[in-house]
Amino acid sequence: MILSLFQIIRLIIGIIDLVLVTVVVYILTFLPEKYRKNWYRHLFRYWCWVFIRALRVNLYLHQKNQKNLPKQYILIGNHPSAFEDIGMSALFNVYFLAKIEVKDWWIVGRISQAAGTYYVHRESKESRQEATDTLKEALSKGLNVGLYPEGGCKGRRLFTPFRFGVFELSLQTGVPIVPVFLHYESQQEFEWQSQHLLYKLWMIMRAQNRRVNYYIYDAILPAQFSSKEEYCDHVQNLYLEWQKRYLD
């Protein structure tokens, strides 16, 4: 009884905290961009942690890398859930590429724009090229960028073949790729299929096992590969091995 009461109080506090911080973060999106600059990124990442706590998710980063991460990198990961939209941003100071529909999400869309998220219309070749050029420009400024080589949220198992875009970007810029494997212990509750986003968040909040494991590995240098196809195959095979280890 006491434990249940404590959990209810913790849940209420988490939701109130999220609402209050969201109001502040949202209002600040109306400031001109020149006044937001870097400090808004820090606030955005704090908001992501508040969101995670409100969902009652236990997020763990497992550092499987044997070497220090490079100062600049392209972050990639598998994409089974909507949760990584906040989980990856909470853990890594990376500017992510998201589907264009995210811009229209209620409240969250405006916050993601203010935080510097890039967007792409996945089915448009022209939009994909524009996104590539935008990411190149970001890398030229010394920023870290992130994207998902599956090309979207495709389910709890890897969707192959991976798309070549991120590997071509790495080859052209010389910036290494840092792979992260995302493991949700309660796969069914976290997997995002056709559910409404709010209902999916409710499923995550009510999951019996809310432990989330993100495994980060050593950076992969583009100089090792002669083509985007070879690069892609190598990284895809790594992810298939990690899938067997953590999911199968």
Protein backbone atom coordinates (compact mmCIF):
# COMPACT_ATOMS: atom_id res chain seq x y z
CA MET A 1 0.00 0.00 0.00
CA ILE A 2 2.75 2.46 1.02
CA LEU A 3 4.81 1.50 -2.05
CA SER A 4 1.83 1.99 -4.37
CA LEU A 5 1.11 5.39 -2.82
CA PHE A 6 4.76 6.39 -3.26
CA GLN A 7 4.66 5.38 -6.94
CA ILE A 8 1.48 7.41 -7.52
CA ILE A 9 3.01 10.48 -5.86
CA ARG A 10 6.19 10.05 -7.92
CA LEU A 11 4.12 9.77 -11.10
CA ILE A 12 2.13 12.92 -10.31
CA ILE A 13 5.28 14.89 -9.49
CA GLY A 14 6.91 13.69 -12.73
CA ILE A 15 3.94 14.78 -14.84
CA ILE A 16 3.70 18.18 -13.12
CA ASP A 17 7.44 18.68 -13.61
CA LEU A 18 7.13 17.80 -17.31
CA VAL A 19 4.20 20.18 -17.83
CA LEU A 20 5.96 23.08 -16.14
CA VAL A 21 9.27 22.58 -17.95
CA THR A 22 7.47 22.07 -21.26
CA VAL A 23 5.63 25.37 -20.85
CA VAL A 24 8.91 27.20 -20.28
CA VAL A 25 10.72 25.44 -23.13
CA TYR A 26 7.80 26.07 -25.49
CA ILE A 27 7.46 29.77 -24.66
CA LEU A 28 11.19 30.27 -25.24
CA THR A 29 10.85 28.93 -28.80
CA PHE A 30 9.27 32.29 -29.71
CA LEU A 31 12.51 34.10 -28.98
CA PRO A 32 14.47 35.09 -32.12
CA GLU A 33 17.07 32.46 -33.00
CA LYS A 34 19.98 34.82 -32.30
CA TYR A 35 18.89 35.02 -28.64
CA ARG A 36 18.53 31.27 -28.20
CA LYS A 37 21.89 30.06 -29.49
CA ASN A 38 23.63 27.28 -27.53
CA TRP A 39 21.89 27.67 -24.18
CA TYR A 40 18.59 26.47 -25.63
CA ARG A 41 20.25 23.18 -26.64
CA HIS A 42 21.18 22.57 -23.00
CA LEU A 43 17.64 23.39 -21.93
CA PHE A 44 16.24 21.08 -24.62
CA ARG A 45 18.39 18.18 -23.43
CA TYR A 46 17.30 18.82 -19.83
CA TRP A 47 13.68 18.75 -21.03
CA CYS A 48 14.38 15.34 -22.61
CA TRP A 49 15.52 14.01 -19.22
CA VAL A 50 12.43 15.45 -17.54
CA PHE A 51 10.31 13.71 -20.20
CA ILE A 52 12.13 10.42 -19.55
CA ARG A 53 11.52 10.69 -15.81
CA ALA A 54 7.84 11.44 -16.40
CA LEU A 55 7.56 8.25 -18.46
CA ARG A 56 9.24 6.40 -15.56
CA VAL A 57 11.83 4.95 -17.92
CA ASN A 58 15.21 3.76 -16.61
CA LEU A 59 17.69 4.69 -19.33
CA TYR A 60 21.20 3.20 -19.17
CA LEU A 61 24.21 3.93 -21.36
CA HIS A 62 26.61 1.00 -21.72
CA GLN A 63 30.03 2.11 -22.91
CA LYS A 64 31.26 -0.80 -25.00
CA ASN A 65 33.77 1.45 -26.75
CA GLN A 66 37.39 0.70 -25.88
CA LYS A 67 38.67 4.04 -27.18
CA ASN A 68 37.55 7.57 -26.40
CA LEU A 69 34.95 8.96 -28.76
CA PRO A 70 36.29 11.38 -31.37
CA LYS A 71 35.55 15.07 -30.92
CA GLN A 72 33.31 14.99 -33.98
CA TYR A 73 31.20 12.12 -35.24
CA ILE A 74 28.04 11.01 -36.97
CA LEU A 75 25.81 9.13 -34.52
CA ILE A 76 23.65 6.28 -35.80
CA GLY A 77 21.30 3.77 -34.20
CA ASN A 78 18.54 1.31 -34.87
CA HIS A 79 15.08 2.84 -34.66
CA PRO A 80 12.42 0.59 -33.09
CA SER A 81 10.58 3.18 -30.98
CA ALA A 82 9.54 6.80 -30.64
CA PHE A 83 11.39 6.92 -27.33
CA GLU A 84 14.82 7.43 -28.92
CA ASP A 85 13.70 10.87 -30.09
CA ILE A 86 14.21 11.97 -26.49
CA GLY A 87 16.52 9.19 -25.28
CA MET A 88 19.30 9.80 -27.80
CA SER A 89 19.07 13.58 -27.43
CA ALA A 90 19.29 13.28 -23.65
CA LEU A 91 22.50 11.25 -23.82
CA PHE A 92 24.25 12.84 -26.80
CA ASN A 93 24.70 16.46 -27.84
CA VAL A 94 23.87 15.66 -31.46
CA TYR A 95 21.72 17.40 -34.06
CA PHE A 96 19.40 14.75 -35.46
CA LEU A 97 17.76 14.34 -38.83
CA ALA A 98 14.03 13.63 -38.43
CA LYS A 99 11.12 13.00 -40.75
CA ILE A 100 9.37 16.14 -41.93
CA GLU A 101 6.15 15.18 -40.12
CA VAL A 102 7.81 15.86 -36.76
CA LYS A 103 7.65 19.60 -37.49
CA ASP A 104 3.86 19.41 -37.28
CA TRP A 105 3.68 17.52 -33.99
CA TRP A 106 1.77 19.50 -31.39
CA ILE A 107 4.17 21.45 -29.10
CA VAL A 108 7.01 18.96 -29.64
CA GLY A 109 7.44 19.99 -33.27
CA ARG A 110 8.14 23.60 -32.41
CA ILE A 111 10.51 22.62 -29.60
CA SER A 112 12.46 20.29 -31.91
CA GLN A 113 12.82 23.06 -34.49
CA ALA A 114 14.13 25.49 -31.89
CA ALA A 115 16.61 22.85 -30.71
CA GLY A 116 18.13 22.66 -34.18
CA THR A 117 16.64 19.43 -35.53
CA TYR A 118 17.00 18.88 -39.29
CA TYR A 119 14.15 17.46 -41.37
CA VAL A 120 13.71 15.35 -44.48
CA HIS A 121 10.82 14.16 -46.58
CA ARG A 122 11.89 10.53 -46.78
CA GLU A 123 10.07 9.73 -50.01
CA SER A 124 11.47 12.73 -51.89
CA LYS A 125 14.83 12.35 -53.59
CA GLU A 126 15.20 16.12 -53.77
CA SER A 127 14.50 16.48 -50.05
CA ARG A 128 17.01 13.75 -49.21
CA GLN A 129 19.66 15.58 -51.22
CA GLU A 130 18.86 18.85 -49.47
CA ALA A 131 19.13 17.07 -46.12
CA THR A 132 22.53 15.68 -47.10
CA ASP A 133 23.76 19.16 -48.02
CA THR A 134 22.44 20.51 -44.72
CA LEU A 135 24.21 17.80 -42.74
CA LYS A 136 27.45 18.47 -44.62
CA GLU A 137 27.19 22.13 -43.70
CA ALA A 138 26.58 21.23 -40.05
CA LEU A 139 29.63 18.96 -40.03
CA SER A 140 31.73 21.69 -41.62
CA LYS A 141 30.83 23.86 -38.61
CA GLY A 142 32.13 21.19 -36.25
CA LEU A 143 28.72 19.93 -35.09
CA ASN A 144 27.83 16.30 -34.43
CA VAL A 145 24.86 14.98 -36.36
CA GLY A 146 22.71 11.89 -36.00
CA LEU A 147 20.40 9.76 -38.11
CA TYR A 148 18.98 6.26 -38.45
CA PRO A 149 20.22 4.17 -41.40
CA GLU A 150 17.06 2.04 -41.47
CA GLY A 151 15.30 5.07 -42.91
CA GLY A 152 12.59 5.29 -40.29
CA CYS A 153 10.89 3.48 -37.45
CA LYS A 154 10.42 0.01 -38.95
CA GLY A 155 9.81 -2.30 -35.98
CA ARG A 156 11.58 -4.06 -33.15
CA ARG A 157 13.90 -5.99 -35.50
CA LEU A 158 16.37 -4.41 -37.90
CA PHE A 159 15.01 -3.31 -41.26
CA THR A 160 17.55 -4.12 -43.94
CA PRO A 161 19.19 -3.20 -46.18
CA PHE A 162 20.39 0.00 -44.53
CA ARG A 163 20.27 3.12 -46.65
CA PHE A 164 23.54 4.38 -48.07
CA GLY A 165 23.09 8.07 -47.20
CA VAL A 166 24.90 8.18 -43.86
CA PHE A 167 27.81 6.13 -45.18
CA GLU A 168 28.23 8.34 -48.22
CA LEU A 169 28.13 11.37 -45.92
CA SER A 170 30.87 9.90 -43.74
CA LEU A 171 33.05 9.08 -46.75
CA GLN A 172 32.64 12.53 -48.27
CA THR A 173 33.37 14.44 -45.07
CA GLY A 174 35.86 12.09 -43.42
CA VAL A 175 33.83 12.19 -40.18
CA PRO A 176 33.65 8.78 -38.43
CA ILE A 177 30.44 7.00 -37.51
CA VAL A 178 29.66 6.15 -33.89
CA PRO A 179 27.15 3.28 -33.69
CA VAL A 180 24.67 2.86 -30.84
CA PHE A 181 22.53 -0.24 -30.46
CA LEU A 182 19.18 0.45 -28.81
CA HIS A 183 17.69 -2.31 -26.66
CA TYR A 184 14.26 -2.07 -25.07
CA GLU A 185 13.70 -4.94 -22.67
CA SER A 186 9.93 -4.57 -22.98
CA GLN A 187 10.00 -4.64 -26.77
CA GLN A 188 6.28 -4.88 -27.42
CA GLU A 189 5.38 -1.84 -25.31
CA PHE A 190 8.17 0.31 -26.77
CA GLU A 191 7.88 -0.72 -30.42
CA TRP A 192 6.18 2.00 -32.43
CA GLN A 193 3.90 0.73 -35.18
CA SER A 194 0.73 2.53 -36.23
CA GLN A 195 -0.34 3.79 -32.80
CA HIS A 196 -0.97 7.45 -32.10
CA LEU A 197 2.08 8.97 -30.44
CA LEU A 198 0.22 9.85 -27.22
CA TYR A 199 -1.11 6.31 -26.92
CA LYS A 200 2.39 4.91 -27.49
CA LEU A 201 3.75 7.12 -24.71
CA TRP A 202 0.96 5.85 -22.45
CA MET A 203 1.96 2.26 -23.30
CA ILE A 204 5.58 3.03 -22.39
CA MET A 205 4.54 4.63 -19.10
CA ARG A 206 2.45 1.55 -18.18
CA ALA A 207 5.02 -1.07 -19.25
CA GLN A 208 5.99 -3.52 -16.49
CA ASN A 209 9.64 -3.37 -17.52
CA ARG A 210 10.79 0.14 -18.42
CA ARG A 211 14.51 -0.56 -18.55
CA VAL A 212 16.21 0.79 -21.68
CA ASN A 213 19.79 -0.07 -22.66
CA TYR A 214 21.81 1.94 -25.18
CA TYR A 215 25.11 0.29 -26.14
CA ILE A 216 27.74 2.57 -27.64
CA TYR A 217 30.67 1.14 -29.58
CA ASP A 218 33.96 2.41 -30.99
CA ALA A 219 33.89 4.91 -33.82
CA ILE A 220 34.17 3.45 -37.33
CA LEU A 221 36.63 5.32 -39.56
CA PRO A 222 35.57 5.90 -43.18
CA ALA A 223 39.17 5.53 -44.43
CA GLN A 224 38.81 1.76 -44.00
CA PHE A 225 36.34 1.53 -46.87
CA SER A 226 36.53 2.12 -50.60
CA SER A 227 32.80 2.52 -51.24
CA LYS A 228 29.54 3.36 -49.51
CA GLU A 229 28.31 -0.18 -50.28
CA GLU A 230 31.26 -1.78 -48.48
CA TYR A 231 30.90 0.64 -45.58
CA CYS A 232 27.17 -0.03 -45.29
CA ASP A 233 27.57 -3.82 -45.40
CA HIS A 234 30.17 -3.72 -42.63
CA VAL A 235 28.05 -1.62 -40.28
CA GLN A 236 24.87 -3.53 -41.10
CA ASN A 237 26.59 -6.81 -40.22
CA LEU A 238 27.68 -5.34 -36.89
CA TYR A 239 24.09 -4.42 -36.11
CA LEU A 240 22.88 -7.89 -37.07
CA GLU A 241 25.43 -9.38 -34.66
CA TRP A 242 24.26 -7.06 -31.87
CA GLN A 243 20.65 -7.96 -32.63
CA LYS A 244 21.46 -11.64 -32.07
CA ARG A 245 23.26 -10.77 -28.84
CA TYR A 246 20.64 -8.51 -27.28
CA LEU A 247 17.30 -9.36 -28.89
CA ASP A 248 17.23 -12.90 -30.24
